[in-house]
C-alpha cells in the first residue's frame, strides 16, 4: 500500500479546510486567532510525514542491503558444484566404491576394514577387500582391492581392480589400477589399464594360458585352442622336409 499518497491526500484536505475557514469577512479575526495553531499543526503534519517517509526509505534500504548480504553469503558458502567434485580424485574413488558395493551380488565375499587375514581365499564369486590379507586369493570372477584394502601375496582372478594397495603377483585377463591404486610386483594379464592417479612399480608380463590346476575345485582347465593351433604350426615348421 502506498502510504505516501495517503498522506498527500490528507495534506491537501487539511489545506482545503484551512482555506475554507479563512474565506469571508471573519477571515482576518479567525486568521489571527488560528494562524499560530494552524501553522503549528501543519508543521507537525509535515514533520511527521517527512519522518515516516525517511523511516520507510531506510527500511527499504536496509532490506535491500540484507538481501545483497544474504546472496553474497549463499554464494561464498555454497557447496562446490558437481563439476568440481567430479574432478576430485577422492570423490571419484568414493563414487566408484559406492557403485561397486551397491552392485555386489549375493555370492560376493567381503573383507571389511577391521579384518586381517593370513592364508588362502578361494571364491566362486566376486571378492571385495577393504581389510588386509597376506596370502593367496583366487576367484572365478572379479577381485576388488578397495581404497582401504591391502594385499601382500598373490591374486588370481578373471578380472582385478586395484584402488588400494597390492604387493606381489597379480594374475588376470584384465587388470585395472584405478585412482590412488598402488601395485608393486608382477602383473600377468592380457589387458592392463592404469589411471593417471594410479601407480605401478614392477614387471608386466603376458597372461599365460597354459594348462593350470585349479586348486579351488581340484580340476584342470585345458589350454586355449589358439595356443594349441600355434604349437602345431611350429611343430610342422620344425619337421625336416
Protein backbone atom coordinates (compact mmCIF):
# COMPACT_ATOMS: atom_id res chain seq x y z
CA UNK A 1 0.00 0.00 0.00
CA UNK A 2 1.35 3.48 -0.92
CA UNK A 3 1.25 5.42 2.37
CA UNK A 4 2.92 8.48 0.80
CA UNK A 5 -0.10 9.03 -1.45
CA UNK A 6 -2.45 8.73 1.54
CA UNK A 7 -0.51 11.34 3.49
CA UNK A 8 -0.52 13.63 0.46
CA UNK A 9 -4.32 13.37 0.21
CA UNK A 10 -4.69 14.16 3.90
CA UNK A 11 -2.41 17.18 3.48
CA UNK A 12 -4.45 18.54 0.56
CA UNK A 13 -7.68 18.02 2.51
CA UNK A 14 -6.26 19.89 5.51
CA UNK A 15 -5.08 22.77 3.29
CA UNK A 16 -8.51 22.99 1.68
CA UNK A 17 -10.19 23.03 5.08
CA UNK A 18 -7.94 25.85 6.23
CA UNK A 19 -8.63 27.83 3.05
CA UNK A 20 -12.40 27.40 3.51
CA UNK A 21 -12.27 28.58 7.09
CA UNK A 22 -10.35 31.72 6.11
CA UNK A 23 -12.88 32.90 3.47
CA UNK A 24 -15.33 35.72 4.20
CA UNK A 25 -15.40 38.73 6.47
CA UNK A 26 -14.47 36.78 9.51
CA UNK A 27 -11.27 35.61 7.87
CA UNK A 28 -8.97 38.18 9.44
CA UNK A 29 -10.00 37.63 13.09
CA UNK A 30 -10.13 33.95 12.55
CA UNK A 31 -6.77 34.01 10.81
CA UNK A 32 -5.28 35.95 13.68
CA UNK A 33 -6.77 33.53 16.18
CA UNK A 34 -5.87 30.39 14.33
CA UNK A 35 -2.73 31.31 12.46
CA UNK A 36 -0.34 30.15 15.14
CA UNK A 37 -2.13 26.83 15.89
CA UNK A 38 -2.65 26.19 12.17
CA UNK A 39 0.97 26.70 11.33
CA UNK A 40 1.97 24.58 14.29
CA UNK A 41 -0.37 21.79 13.20
CA UNK A 42 0.84 21.97 9.60
CA UNK A 43 4.43 21.92 10.79
CA UNK A 44 3.72 18.84 12.89
CA UNK A 45 1.97 17.13 9.97
CA UNK A 46 4.77 17.89 7.52
CA UNK A 47 7.43 16.83 10.02
CA UNK A 48 5.59 13.60 10.77
CA UNK A 49 5.19 12.91 7.06
CA UNK A 50 8.89 13.51 6.48
CA UNK A 51 9.86 11.20 9.33
CA UNK A 52 7.55 8.45 8.06
CA UNK A 53 8.91 8.72 4.53
CA UNK A 54 12.50 8.76 5.79
CA UNK A 55 11.99 5.71 8.02
CA UNK A 56 10.30 3.83 5.22
CA UNK A 57 13.17 4.63 2.88
CA UNK A 58 15.70 3.47 5.47
CA UNK A 59 13.79 0.22 5.97
CA UNK A 60 13.73 -0.36 2.21
CA UNK A 61 17.45 0.37 2.02
CA UNK A 62 18.26 -1.98 4.92
CA UNK A 63 16.07 -4.68 3.40
CA UNK A 64 17.94 -4.41 0.09
CA UNK A 65 21.27 -4.41 1.90
CA UNK A 66 20.33 -7.52 3.89
CA UNK A 67 19.18 -9.21 0.68
CA UNK A 68 22.50 -8.46 -1.00
CA UNK A 69 24.45 -9.76 2.02
CA UNK A 70 22.33 -12.90 2.10
CA UNK A 71 23.01 -13.53 -1.59
CA UNK A 72 26.74 -12.98 -1.06
CA UNK A 73 26.81 -15.36 1.91
CA UNK A 74 24.94 -18.01 -0.04
CA UNK A 75 27.35 -17.59 -2.95
CA UNK A 76 30.53 -17.85 -0.89
CA UNK A 77 29.30 -20.58 1.45
CA UNK A 78 27.57 -22.72 -1.15
CA UNK A 79 29.00 -26.25 -1.57
CA UNK A 80 31.17 -26.98 -4.61
CA UNK A 81 29.35 -27.87 -7.79
CA UNK A 82 29.14 -31.37 -9.19
CA UNK A 83 31.69 -30.46 -11.86
CA UNK A 84 34.28 -29.51 -9.22
CA UNK A 85 33.56 -32.56 -7.16
CA UNK A 86 33.79 -34.80 -10.17
CA UNK A 87 37.42 -33.69 -10.67
CA UNK A 88 38.36 -34.59 -7.08
CA UNK A 89 40.19 -37.96 -7.03
CA UNK A 90 38.87 -38.83 -3.58
CA UNK A 91 35.33 -38.07 -4.71
CA UNK A 92 35.79 -40.29 -7.76
CA UNK A 93 37.13 -43.09 -5.57
CA UNK A 94 34.19 -42.85 -3.15
CA UNK A 95 31.70 -42.92 -6.02
CA UNK A 96 33.38 -45.92 -7.63
CA UNK A 97 33.44 -47.89 -4.38
CA UNK A 98 29.83 -47.00 -3.60
CA UNK A 99 28.77 -48.18 -7.05
CA UNK A 100 30.71 -51.42 -6.66
CA UNK A 101 29.23 -52.16 -3.23
CA UNK A 102 25.72 -51.32 -4.41
CA UNK A 103 26.07 -53.74 -7.33
CA UNK A 104 27.60 -56.54 -5.28
CA UNK A 105 25.84 -59.88 -5.86
CA UNK A 106 24.67 -62.06 -3.02
CA UNK A 107 27.51 -64.58 -3.53
CA UNK A 108 30.22 -61.89 -3.20
CA UNK A 109 32.87 -62.24 -0.49
CA UNK A 110 33.54 -59.08 1.53
CA UNK A 111 36.59 -58.49 3.72
CA UNK A 112 35.82 -55.48 6.00
CA UNK A 113 38.38 -52.93 7.20
CA UNK A 114 38.59 -54.48 10.66
CA UNK A 115 39.51 -57.89 9.24
CA UNK A 116 43.15 -59.05 8.87
CA UNK A 117 43.64 -62.45 7.27
CA UNK A 118 46.61 -64.71 6.61
CA UNK A 119 46.21 -67.71 4.33
CA UNK A 120 44.23 -68.57 1.20
CA UNK A 121 40.85 -67.44 -0.12
CA UNK A 122 39.12 -69.46 -2.85
CA UNK A 123 35.87 -67.92 -4.11
CA UNK A 124 33.48 -68.59 -6.97
CA UNK A 125 32.05 -65.05 -6.90
CA UNK A 126 33.42 -61.54 -6.57
CA UNK A 127 35.75 -60.61 -3.72
CA UNK A 128 35.66 -57.12 -2.15
CA UNK A 129 38.68 -56.35 0.02
CA UNK A 130 38.68 -53.42 2.45
CA UNK A 131 40.84 -55.09 5.10
CA UNK A 132 44.33 -56.58 4.85
CA UNK A 133 45.21 -60.02 3.51
CA UNK A 134 48.56 -61.78 3.45
CA UNK A 135 48.46 -64.87 1.28
CA UNK A 136 46.79 -66.14 -1.89
CA UNK A 137 43.42 -65.07 -3.31
CA UNK A 138 41.68 -66.96 -6.10
CA UNK A 139 38.36 -66.00 -7.66
CA UNK A 140 36.45 -67.13 -10.72
CA UNK A 141 35.10 -63.60 -11.19
CA UNK A 142 36.41 -60.19 -10.08
CA UNK A 143 38.61 -59.20 -7.16
CA UNK A 144 38.24 -55.60 -5.95
CA UNK A 145 41.01 -54.19 -3.75
CA UNK A 146 39.23 -51.11 -2.40
CA UNK A 147 40.82 -47.89 -1.13
CA UNK A 148 41.40 -49.23 2.40
CA UNK A 149 42.35 -52.71 1.20
CA UNK A 150 45.89 -54.09 1.38
CA UNK A 151 47.05 -57.36 -0.16
CA UNK A 152 50.50 -58.87 0.25
CA UNK A 153 50.76 -62.02 -1.81
CA UNK A 154 49.11 -63.33 -4.96
CA UNK A 155 45.78 -62.66 -6.66
CA UNK A 156 44.42 -64.85 -9.44
CA UNK A 157 41.04 -63.93 -10.93
CA UNK A 158 39.20 -63.31 -14.18
CA UNK A 159 39.40 -59.56 -13.52
CA UNK A 160 41.22 -57.47 -10.92
CA UNK A 161 40.59 -53.85 -9.95
CA UNK A 162 43.01 -52.15 -7.55
CA UNK A 163 42.11 -48.95 -5.75
CA UNK A 164 44.07 -49.81 -2.62
CA UNK A 165 47.49 -51.46 -2.28
CA UNK A 166 48.76 -54.72 -3.78
CA UNK A 167 52.25 -56.13 -3.31
CA UNK A 168 53.17 -59.35 -5.06
CA UNK A 169 51.77 -61.22 -8.07
CA UNK A 170 48.66 -60.07 -9.91
CA UNK A 171 47.41 -62.61 -12.46
CA UNK A 172 44.28 -61.98 -14.53
CA UNK A 173 42.96 -61.49 -18.03
CA UNK A 174 42.13 -57.86 -17.24
CA UNK A 175 43.81 -55.67 -14.62
CA UNK A 176 42.79 -52.09 -13.80
CA UNK A 177 44.70 -49.77 -11.46
CA UNK A 178 42.22 -47.06 -10.50
CA UNK A 179 42.59 -43.67 -8.82
CA UNK A 180 45.04 -43.89 -5.86
CA UNK A 181 45.68 -47.55 -6.69
CA UNK A 182 49.17 -48.93 -5.94
CA UNK A 183 50.72 -52.11 -7.29
CA UNK A 184 54.28 -53.23 -6.57
CA UNK A 185 55.27 -56.54 -8.12
CA UNK A 186 54.46 -58.58 -11.19
CA UNK A 187 51.35 -58.30 -13.34
CA UNK A 188 50.40 -61.08 -15.75
CA UNK A 189 47.46 -60.02 -17.89
CA UNK A 190 46.05 -59.63 -21.38
CA UNK A 191 44.75 -56.07 -20.83
CA UNK A 192 46.22 -53.55 -18.40
CA UNK A 193 44.77 -50.09 -17.70
CA UNK A 194 46.37 -47.59 -15.31
CA UNK A 195 44.68 -44.38 -14.24
CA UNK A 196 46.88 -41.28 -14.28
CA UNK A 197 46.42 -41.12 -10.50
CA UNK A 198 47.39 -44.77 -10.09
CA UNK A 199 50.91 -46.16 -9.55
CA UNK A 200 52.59 -49.34 -10.76
CA UNK A 201 56.13 -50.46 -9.91
CA UNK A 202 57.34 -53.78 -11.21
CA UNK A 203 57.15 -56.02 -14.25
CA UNK A 204 54.27 -56.62 -16.65
CA UNK A 205 54.11 -59.98 -18.42
CA UNK A 206 51.66 -61.52 -20.90
CA UNK A 207 48.94 -63.67 -19.43
CA UNK A 208 49.85 -67.36 -19.61
CA UNK A 209 47.07 -69.63 -20.93
CA UNK A 210 48.82 -72.95 -20.41
CA UNK A 211 47.08 -75.79 -18.60
CA UNK A 212 46.81 -74.96 -14.92
CA UNK A 213 45.44 -76.74 -11.89
CA UNK A 214 42.50 -75.07 -10.23
CA UNK A 215 43.26 -75.60 -6.54
CA UNK A 216 39.81 -74.42 -5.51
CA UNK A 217 37.98 -77.15 -7.45
CA UNK A 218 40.78 -79.66 -8.00
CA UNK A 219 40.16 -79.79 -11.77
CA UNK A 220 42.30 -78.89 -14.75
CA UNK A 221 41.49 -76.31 -17.33
CA UNK A 222 42.65 -77.04 -20.89
CA UNK A 223 44.89 -74.69 -22.81
CA UNK A 224 43.33 -72.21 -25.17
CA UNK A 225 42.61 -73.51 -28.71
CA UNK A 226 44.69 -70.88 -30.46
CA UNK A 227 47.72 -71.82 -28.34
CA UNK A 228 47.36 -75.45 -29.41
CA UNK A 229 46.99 -74.39 -33.03
CA UNK A 230 50.11 -72.21 -32.83
CA UNK A 231 52.16 -75.04 -31.32
CA UNK A 232 51.01 -77.37 -34.10
CA UNK A 233 52.18 -74.93 -36.74
CA UNK A 234 55.56 -74.58 -35.05
CA UNK A 235 55.97 -78.35 -34.97
CA UNK A 236 55.16 -78.57 -38.69
CA UNK A 237 57.81 -75.96 -39.47
CA UNK A 238 60.41 -77.79 -37.40
CA UNK A 239 59.86 -81.15 -39.12
CA UNK A 240 62.57 -81.94 -41.69
CA UNK A 241 61.39 -81.78 -45.29
